[in-house]
Amino acid sequence: MTKPKTTRPPTAHITPFGLRMQPELKERLEAAAQEAGRSLNAEIVARLEQSFEPRQTMILIDEFENMLHGVLAEIKKAQ
């Protein structure tokens, strides 16, 4: 699967930004980055960008809620 090309400025024009975080959070971000095939920095940037897109966040919440309702219905049937 080919990643879509993005139109971002070259990294030479991006100001470095130091970030402190708990080791457990860093481990979780590293695992998510590896799963997504991105660097740790790219994972953090993607998650930050997504946080500014409330519509996308609501879609994800709705999908999760629907999935959860389905799982709960299956559990109820099995009882």
PDB file of N, CA and C in Angstrom:
ATOM      1  N   MET A   1       0.844  -1.170   0.000  1.00  0.00           N
ATOM      2  CA  MET A   1       0.000   0.000   0.000  1.00  0.00           C
ATOM      3  C   MET A   1       0.895   1.241   0.000  1.00  0.00           C
ATOM      4  N   THR A   2       0.688   2.124  -0.939  1.00  0.00           N
ATOM      5  CA  THR A   2       1.505   3.320  -1.072  1.00  0.00           C
ATOM      6  C   THR A   2       0.893   4.460  -0.277  1.00  0.00           C
ATOM      7  N   LYS A   3       1.746   5.137   0.456  1.00  0.00           N
ATOM      8  CA  LYS A   3       1.284   6.285   1.226  1.00  0.00           C
ATOM      9  C   LYS A   3       1.044   7.461   0.294  1.00  0.00           C
ATOM     10  N   PRO A   4      -0.052   8.212   0.531  1.00  0.00           N
ATOM     11  CA  PRO A   4      -0.272   9.395  -0.309  1.00  0.00           C
ATOM     12  C   PRO A   4       0.791  10.446  -0.038  1.00  0.00           C
ATOM     13  N   LYS A   5       1.170  11.149  -1.086  1.00  0.00           N
ATOM     14  CA  LYS A   5       2.164  12.222  -0.941  1.00  0.00           C
ATOM     15  C   LYS A   5       1.490  13.423  -0.300  1.00  0.00           C
ATOM     16  N   THR A   6       2.183  14.039   0.634  1.00  0.00           N
ATOM     17  CA  THR A   6       1.652  15.237   1.268  1.00  0.00           C
ATOM     18  C   THR A   6       2.445  16.439   0.795  1.00  0.00           C
ATOM     19  N   THR A   7       1.831  17.578   0.856  1.00  0.00           N
ATOM     20  CA  THR A   7       2.506  18.812   0.449  1.00  0.00           C
ATOM     21  C   THR A   7       2.911  19.568   1.700  1.00  0.00           C
ATOM     22  N   ARG A   8       3.957  19.116   2.324  1.00  0.00           N
ATOM     23  CA  ARG A   8       4.483  19.745   3.530  1.00  0.00           C
ATOM     24  C   ARG A   8       5.800  20.426   3.192  1.00  0.00           C
ATOM     25  N   PRO A   9       6.126  21.453   3.963  1.00  0.00           N
ATOM     26  CA  PRO A   9       7.415  22.110   3.726  1.00  0.00           C
ATOM     27  C   PRO A   9       8.560  21.164   4.070  1.00  0.00           C
ATOM     28  N   PRO A  10       9.716  21.368   3.445  1.00  0.00           N
ATOM     29  CA  PRO A  10      10.872  20.542   3.789  1.00  0.00           C
ATOM     30  C   PRO A  10      11.185  20.687   5.281  1.00  0.00           C
ATOM     31  N   THR A  11      11.693  19.626   5.884  1.00  0.00           N
ATOM     32  CA  THR A  11      11.949  19.651   7.324  1.00  0.00           C
ATOM     33  C   THR A  11      12.988  20.692   7.713  1.00  0.00           C
ATOM     34  N   ALA A  12      13.781  21.153   6.778  1.00  0.00           N
ATOM     35  CA  ALA A  12      14.772  22.185   7.097  1.00  0.00           C
ATOM     36  C   ALA A  12      14.107  23.476   7.558  1.00  0.00           C
ATOM     37  N   HIS A  13      12.839  23.670   7.207  1.00  0.00           N
ATOM     38  CA  HIS A  13      12.122  24.891   7.562  1.00  0.00           C
ATOM     39  C   HIS A  13      11.229  24.710   8.789  1.00  0.00           C
ATOM     40  N   ILE A  14      11.316  23.575   9.427  1.00  0.00           N
ATOM     41  CA  ILE A  14      10.488  23.303  10.602  1.00  0.00           C
ATOM     42  C   ILE A  14      11.335  23.489  11.847  1.00  0.00           C
ATOM     43  N   THR A  15      10.846  24.296  12.755  1.00  0.00           N
ATOM     44  CA  THR A  15      11.563  24.566  13.997  1.00  0.00           C
ATOM     45  C   THR A  15      11.468  23.357  14.929  1.00  0.00           C
ATOM     46  N   PRO A  16      12.611  22.880  15.439  1.00  0.00           N
ATOM     47  CA  PRO A  16      12.571  21.766  16.391  1.00  0.00           C
ATOM     48  C   PRO A  16      11.823  22.166  17.662  1.00  0.00           C
ATOM     49  N   PHE A  17      11.181  21.195  18.273  1.00  0.00           N
ATOM     50  CA  PHE A  17      10.406  21.456  19.478  1.00  0.00           C
ATOM     51  C   PHE A  17      10.650  20.310  20.457  1.00  0.00           C
ATOM     52  N   GLY A  18      11.240  20.628  21.598  1.00  0.00           N
ATOM     53  CA  GLY A  18      11.480  19.607  22.617  1.00  0.00           C
ATOM     54  C   GLY A  18      10.185  19.278  23.344  1.00  0.00           C
ATOM     55  N   LEU A  19      10.026  18.037  23.712  1.00  0.00           N
ATOM     56  CA  LEU A  19       8.802  17.609  24.377  1.00  0.00           C
ATOM     57  C   LEU A  19       9.144  16.597  25.457  1.00  0.00           C
ATOM     58  N   ARG A  20       8.668  16.870  26.669  1.00  0.00           N
ATOM     59  CA  ARG A  20       8.854  15.913  27.760  1.00  0.00           C
ATOM     60  C   ARG A  20       7.550  15.165  27.956  1.00  0.00           C
ATOM     61  N   MET A  21       7.672  13.857  28.189  1.00  0.00           N
ATOM     62  CA  MET A  21       6.480  13.047  28.451  1.00  0.00           C
ATOM     63  C   MET A  21       6.862  11.850  29.301  1.00  0.00           C
ATOM     64  N   GLN A  22       5.870  11.265  29.912  1.00  0.00           N
ATOM     65  CA  GLN A  22       6.088  10.080  30.728  1.00  0.00           C
ATOM     66  C   GLN A  22       6.572   8.930  29.837  1.00  0.00           C
ATOM     67  N   PRO A  23       7.475   8.091  30.344  1.00  0.00           N
ATOM     68  CA  PRO A  23       7.996   6.979  29.541  1.00  0.00           C
ATOM     69  C   PRO A  23       6.901   6.048  29.025  1.00  0.00           C
ATOM     70  N   GLU A  24       5.857   5.843  29.821  1.00  0.00           N
ATOM     71  CA  GLU A  24       4.772   4.954  29.395  1.00  0.00           C
ATOM     72  C   GLU A  24       4.049   5.512  28.170  1.00  0.00           C
ATOM     73  N   LEU A  25       3.832   6.817  28.158  1.00  0.00           N
ATOM     74  CA  LEU A  25       3.177   7.444  27.017  1.00  0.00           C
ATOM     75  C   LEU A  25       4.077   7.356  25.787  1.00  0.00           C
ATOM     76  N   LYS A  26       5.357   7.577  25.978  1.00  0.00           N
ATOM     77  CA  LYS A  26       6.287   7.489  24.854  1.00  0.00           C
ATOM     78  C   LYS A  26       6.287   6.083  24.266  1.00  0.00           C
ATOM     79  N   GLU A  27       6.250   5.074  25.133  1.00  0.00           N
ATOM     80  CA  GLU A  27       6.206   3.683  24.656  1.00  0.00           C
ATOM     81  C   GLU A  27       4.945   3.427  23.833  1.00  0.00           C
ATOM     82  N   ARG A  28       3.816   3.955  24.306  1.00  0.00           N
ATOM     83  CA  ARG A  28       2.561   3.767  23.575  1.00  0.00           C
ATOM     84  C   ARG A  28       2.612   4.471  22.218  1.00  0.00           C
ATOM     85  N   LEU A  29       3.167   5.679  22.195  1.00  0.00           N
ATOM     86  CA  LEU A  29       3.292   6.409  20.937  1.00  0.00           C
ATOM     87  C   LEU A  29       4.246   5.700  19.975  1.00  0.00           C
ATOM     88  N   GLU A  30       5.334   5.176  20.499  1.00  0.00           N
ATOM     89  CA  GLU A  30       6.290   4.448  19.652  1.00  0.00           C
ATOM     90  C   GLU A  30       5.640   3.212  19.045  1.00  0.00           C
ATOM     91  N   ALA A  31       4.851   2.495  19.838  1.00  0.00           N
ATOM     92  CA  ALA A  31       4.158   1.307  19.336  1.00  0.00           C
ATOM     93  C   ALA A  31       3.151   1.696  18.251  1.00  0.00           C
ATOM     94  N   ALA A  32       2.408   2.770  18.486  1.00  0.00           N
ATOM     95  CA  ALA A  32       1.432   3.234  17.496  1.00  0.00           C
ATOM     96  C   ALA A  32       2.137   3.690  16.217  1.00  0.00           C
ATOM     97  N   ALA A  33       3.262   4.364  16.377  1.00  0.00           N
ATOM     98  CA  ALA A  33       4.026   4.834  15.217  1.00  0.00           C
ATOM     99  C   ALA A  33       4.524   3.652  14.397  1.00  0.00           C
ATOM    100  N   GLN A  34       5.030   2.656  15.071  1.00  0.00           N
ATOM    101  CA  GLN A  34       5.538   1.472  14.366  1.00  0.00           C
ATOM    102  C   GLN A  34       4.400   0.775  13.621  1.00  0.00           C
ATOM    103  N   GLU A  35       3.262   0.650  14.275  1.00  0.00           N
ATOM    104  CA  GLU A  35       2.101   0.005  13.649  1.00  0.00           C
ATOM    105  C   GLU A  35       1.637   0.780  12.415  1.00  0.00           C
ATOM    106  N   ALA A  36       1.719   2.102  12.478  1.00  0.00           N
ATOM    107  CA  ALA A  36       1.287   2.949  11.359  1.00  0.00           C
ATOM    108  C   ALA A  36       2.387   3.144  10.316  1.00  0.00           C
ATOM    109  N   GLY A  37       3.591   2.652  10.604  1.00  0.00           N
ATOM    110  CA  GLY A  37       4.699   2.818   9.666  1.00  0.00           C
ATOM    111  C   GLY A  37       5.227   4.237   9.600  1.00  0.00           C
ATOM    112  N   ARG A  38       5.190   4.934  10.749  1.00  0.00           N
ATOM    113  CA  ARG A  38       5.661   6.314  10.800  1.00  0.00           C
ATOM    114  C   ARG A  38       6.747   6.456  11.856  1.00  0.00           C
ATOM    115  N   SER A  39       7.435   7.567  11.798  1.00  0.00           N
ATOM    116  CA  SER A  39       8.389   7.902  12.853  1.00  0.00           C
ATOM    117  C   SER A  39       7.605   8.366  14.074  1.00  0.00           C
ATOM    118  N   LEU A  40       8.272   8.417  15.213  1.00  0.00           N
ATOM    119  CA  LEU A  40       7.629   8.910  16.428  1.00  0.00           C
ATOM    120  C   LEU A  40       7.159  10.346  16.217  1.00  0.00           C
ATOM    121  N   ASN A  41       7.998  11.172  15.618  1.00  0.00           N
ATOM    122  CA  ASN A  41       7.625  12.557  15.355  1.00  0.00           C
ATOM    123  C   ASN A  41       6.383  12.629  14.466  1.00  0.00           C
ATOM    124  N   ALA A  42       6.363  11.849  13.388  1.00  0.00           N
ATOM    125  CA  ALA A  42       5.216  11.868  12.476  1.00  0.00           C
ATOM    126  C   ALA A  42       3.945  11.413  13.188  1.00  0.00           C
ATOM    127  N   GLU A  43       4.057  10.455  14.083  1.00  0.00           N
ATOM    128  CA  GLU A  43       2.887   9.983  14.847  1.00  0.00           C
ATOM    129  C   GLU A  43       2.353  11.088  15.740  1.00  0.00           C
ATOM    130  N   ILE A  44       3.244  11.768  16.440  1.00  0.00           N
ATOM    131  CA  ILE A  44       2.821  12.860  17.324  1.00  0.00           C
ATOM    132  C   ILE A  44       2.171  13.975  16.518  1.00  0.00           C
ATOM    133  N   VAL A  45       2.783  14.349  15.394  1.00  0.00           N
ATOM    134  CA  VAL A  45       2.231  15.413  14.551  1.00  0.00           C
ATOM    135  C   VAL A  45       0.860  15.006  14.017  1.00  0.00           C
ATOM    136  N   ALA A  46       0.718  13.772  13.546  1.00  0.00           N
ATOM    137  CA  ALA A  46      -0.569  13.309  13.016  1.00  0.00           C
ATOM    138  C   ALA A  46      -1.654  13.358  14.085  1.00  0.00           C
ATOM    139  N   ARG A  47      -1.310  12.933  15.301  1.00  0.00           N
ATOM    140  CA  ARG A  47      -2.295  12.954  16.380  1.00  0.00           C
ATOM    141  C   ARG A  47      -2.661  14.381  16.770  1.00  0.00           C
ATOM    142  N   LEU A  48      -1.698  15.274  16.780  1.00  0.00           N
ATOM    143  CA  LEU A  48      -1.996  16.672  17.085  1.00  0.00           C
ATOM    144  C   LEU A  48      -2.883  17.289  16.008  1.00  0.00           C
ATOM    145  N   GLU A  49      -2.549  17.034  14.742  1.00  0.00           N
ATOM    146  CA  GLU A  49      -3.368  17.562  13.658  1.00  0.00           C
ATOM    147  C   GLU A  49      -4.795  17.032  13.742  1.00  0.00           C
ATOM    148  N   GLN A  50      -4.926  15.754  14.054  1.00  0.00           N
ATOM    149  CA  GLN A  50      -6.251  15.147  14.163  1.00  0.00           C
ATOM    150  C   GLN A  50      -7.058  15.789  15.289  1.00  0.00           C
ATOM    151  N   SER A  51      -6.401  16.211  16.337  1.00  0.00           N
ATOM    152  CA  SER A  51      -7.116  16.809  17.464  1.00  0.00           C
ATOM    153  C   SER A  51      -7.773  18.136  17.084  1.00  0.00           C
ATOM    154  N   PHE A  52      -7.325  18.753  15.994  1.00  0.00           N
ATOM    155  CA  PHE A  52      -7.920  19.997  15.527  1.00  0.00           C
ATOM    156  C   PHE A  52      -9.031  19.758  14.512  1.00  0.00           C
ATOM    157  N   GLU A  53      -9.321  18.491  14.248  1.00  0.00           N
ATOM    158  CA  GLU A  53     -10.377  18.129  13.303  1.00  0.00           C
ATOM    159  C   GLU A  53     -11.529  17.487  14.069  1.00  0.00           C
ATOM    160  N   PRO A  54     -12.383  18.294  14.699  1.00  0.00           N
ATOM    161  CA  PRO A  54     -13.438  17.734  15.543  1.00  0.00           C
ATOM    162  C   PRO A  54     -14.407  16.836  14.780  1.00  0.00           C
ATOM    163  N   ARG A  55     -14.662  17.120  13.521  1.00  0.00           N
ATOM    164  CA  ARG A  55     -15.590  16.278  12.761  1.00  0.00           C
ATOM    165  C   ARG A  55     -15.052  14.862  12.642  1.00  0.00           C
ATOM    166  N   GLN A  56     -13.777  14.725  12.327  1.00  0.00           N
ATOM    167  CA  GLN A  56     -13.168  13.400  12.203  1.00  0.00           C
ATOM    168  C   GLN A  56     -13.192  12.681  13.540  1.00  0.00           C
ATOM    169  N   THR A  57     -12.944  13.404  14.611  1.00  0.00           N
ATOM    170  CA  THR A  57     -12.975  12.819  15.944  1.00  0.00           C
ATOM    171  C   THR A  57     -14.371  12.289  16.250  1.00  0.00           C
ATOM    172  N   MET A  58     -15.390  13.048  15.905  1.00  0.00           N
ATOM    173  CA  MET A  58     -16.767  12.608  16.159  1.00  0.00           C
ATOM    174  C   MET A  58     -17.108  11.373  15.326  1.00  0.00           C
ATOM    175  N   ILE A  59     -16.626  11.304  14.104  1.00  0.00           N
ATOM    176  CA  ILE A  59     -16.856  10.123  13.270  1.00  0.00           C
ATOM    177  C   ILE A  59     -16.231   8.900  13.926  1.00  0.00           C
ATOM    178  N   LEU A  60     -15.006   9.042  14.423  1.00  0.00           N
ATOM    179  CA  LEU A  60     -14.344   7.926  15.080  1.00  0.00           C
ATOM    180  C   LEU A  60     -15.090   7.497  16.345  1.00  0.00           C
ATOM    181  N   ILE A  61     -15.572   8.464  17.101  1.00  0.00           N
ATOM    182  CA  ILE A  61     -16.332   8.150  18.314  1.00  0.00           C
ATOM    183  C   ILE A  61     -17.618   7.412  17.941  1.00  0.00           C
ATOM    184  N   ASP A  62     -18.318   7.871  16.915  1.00  0.00           N
ATOM    185  CA  ASP A  62     -19.545   7.201  16.471  1.00  0.00           C
ATOM    186  C   ASP A  62     -19.264   5.777  16.032  1.00  0.00           C
ATOM    187  N   GLU A  63     -18.173   5.573  15.270  1.00  0.00           N
ATOM    188  CA  GLU A  63     -17.812   4.222  14.822  1.00  0.00           C
ATOM    189  C   GLU A  63     -17.509   3.323  16.020  1.00  0.00           C
ATOM    190  N   PHE A  64     -16.792   3.843  16.988  1.00  0.00           N
ATOM    191  CA  PHE A  64     -16.464   3.064  18.173  1.00  0.00           C
ATOM    192  C   PHE A  64     -17.733   2.729  18.955  1.00  0.00           C
ATOM    193  N   GLU A  65     -18.616   3.708  19.094  1.00  0.00           N
ATOM    194  CA  GLU A  65     -19.864   3.488  19.823  1.00  0.00           C
ATOM    195  C   GLU A  65     -20.708   2.410  19.135  1.00  0.00           C
ATOM    196  N   ASN A  66     -20.799   2.454  17.814  1.00  0.00           N
ATOM    197  CA  ASN A  66     -21.542   1.432  17.071  1.00  0.00           C
ATOM    198  C   ASN A  66     -20.925   0.049  17.261  1.00  0.00           C
ATOM    199  N   MET A  67     -19.605  -0.012  17.206  1.00  0.00           N
ATOM    200  CA  MET A  67     -18.920  -1.277  17.403  1.00  0.00           C
ATOM    201  C   MET A  67     -19.179  -1.807  18.812  1.00  0.00           C
ATOM    202  N   LEU A  68     -19.125  -0.934  19.792  1.00  0.00           N
ATOM    203  CA  LEU A  68     -19.350  -1.327  21.176  1.00  0.00           C
ATOM    204  C   LEU A  68     -20.775  -1.848  21.380  1.00  0.00           C
ATOM    205  N   HIS A  69     -21.747  -1.186  20.780  1.00  0.00           N
ATOM    206  CA  HIS A  69     -23.133  -1.645  20.876  1.00  0.00           C
ATOM    207  C   HIS A  69     -23.279  -3.042  20.267  1.00  0.00           C
ATOM    208  N   GLY A  70     -22.603  -3.285  19.156  1.00  0.00           N
ATOM    209  CA  GLY A  70     -22.641  -4.602  18.523  1.00  0.00           C
ATOM    210  C   GLY A  70     -22.052  -5.675  19.415  1.00  0.00           C
ATOM    211  N   VAL A  71     -20.932  -5.369  20.028  1.00  0.00           N
ATOM    212  CA  VAL A  71     -20.282  -6.331  20.930  1.00  0.00           C
ATOM    213  C   VAL A  71     -21.175  -6.613  22.129  1.00  0.00           C
ATOM    214  N   LEU A  72     -21.754  -5.572  22.695  1.00  0.00           N
ATOM    215  CA  LEU A  72     -22.642  -5.756  23.849  1.00  0.00           C
ATOM    216  C   LEU A  72     -23.872  -6.574  23.475  1.00  0.00           C
ATOM    217  N   ALA A  73     -24.414  -6.375  22.290  1.00  0.00           N
ATOM    218  CA  ALA A  73     -25.564  -7.159  21.833  1.00  0.00           C
ATOM    219  C   ALA A  73     -25.187  -8.632  21.698  1.00  0.00           C
ATOM    220  N   GLU A  74     -24.001  -8.907  21.172  1.00  0.00           N
ATOM    221  CA  GLU A  74     -23.535 -10.287  21.039  1.00  0.00           C
ATOM    222  C   GLU A  74     -23.354 -10.947  22.401  1.00  0.00           C
ATOM    223  N   ILE A  75     -22.815 -10.204  23.346  1.00  0.00           N
ATOM    224  CA  ILE A  75     -22.639 -10.721  24.705  1.00  0.00           C
ATOM    225  C   ILE A  75     -23.990 -11.034  25.333  1.00  0.00           C
ATOM    226  N   LYS A  76     -24.933 -10.133  25.132  1.00  0.00           N
ATOM    227  CA  LYS A  76     -26.272 -10.322  25.701  1.00  0.00           C
ATOM    228  C   LYS A  76     -26.941 -11.569  25.108  1.00  0.00           C
ATOM    229  N   LYS A  77     -26.761 -11.776  23.797  1.00  0.00           N
ATOM    230  CA  LYS A  77     -27.328 -12.957  23.140  1.00  0.00           C
ATOM    231  C   LYS A  77     -26.723 -14.236  23.680  1.00  0.00           C
ATOM    232  N   ALA A  78     -25.434 -14.195  23.984  1.00  0.00           N
ATOM    233  CA  ALA A  78     -24.719 -15.388  24.447  1.00  0.00           C
ATOM    234  C   ALA A  78     -25.086 -15.777  25.875  1.00  0.00           C
ATOM    235  N   GLN A  79     -25.675 -14.868  26.626  1.00  0.00           N
ATOM    236  CA  GLN A  79     -26.004 -15.157  28.034  1.00  0.00           C
ATOM    237  C   GLN A  79     -27.243 -15.969  28.168  1.00  0.00           C
TER     238      GLN A  79
END
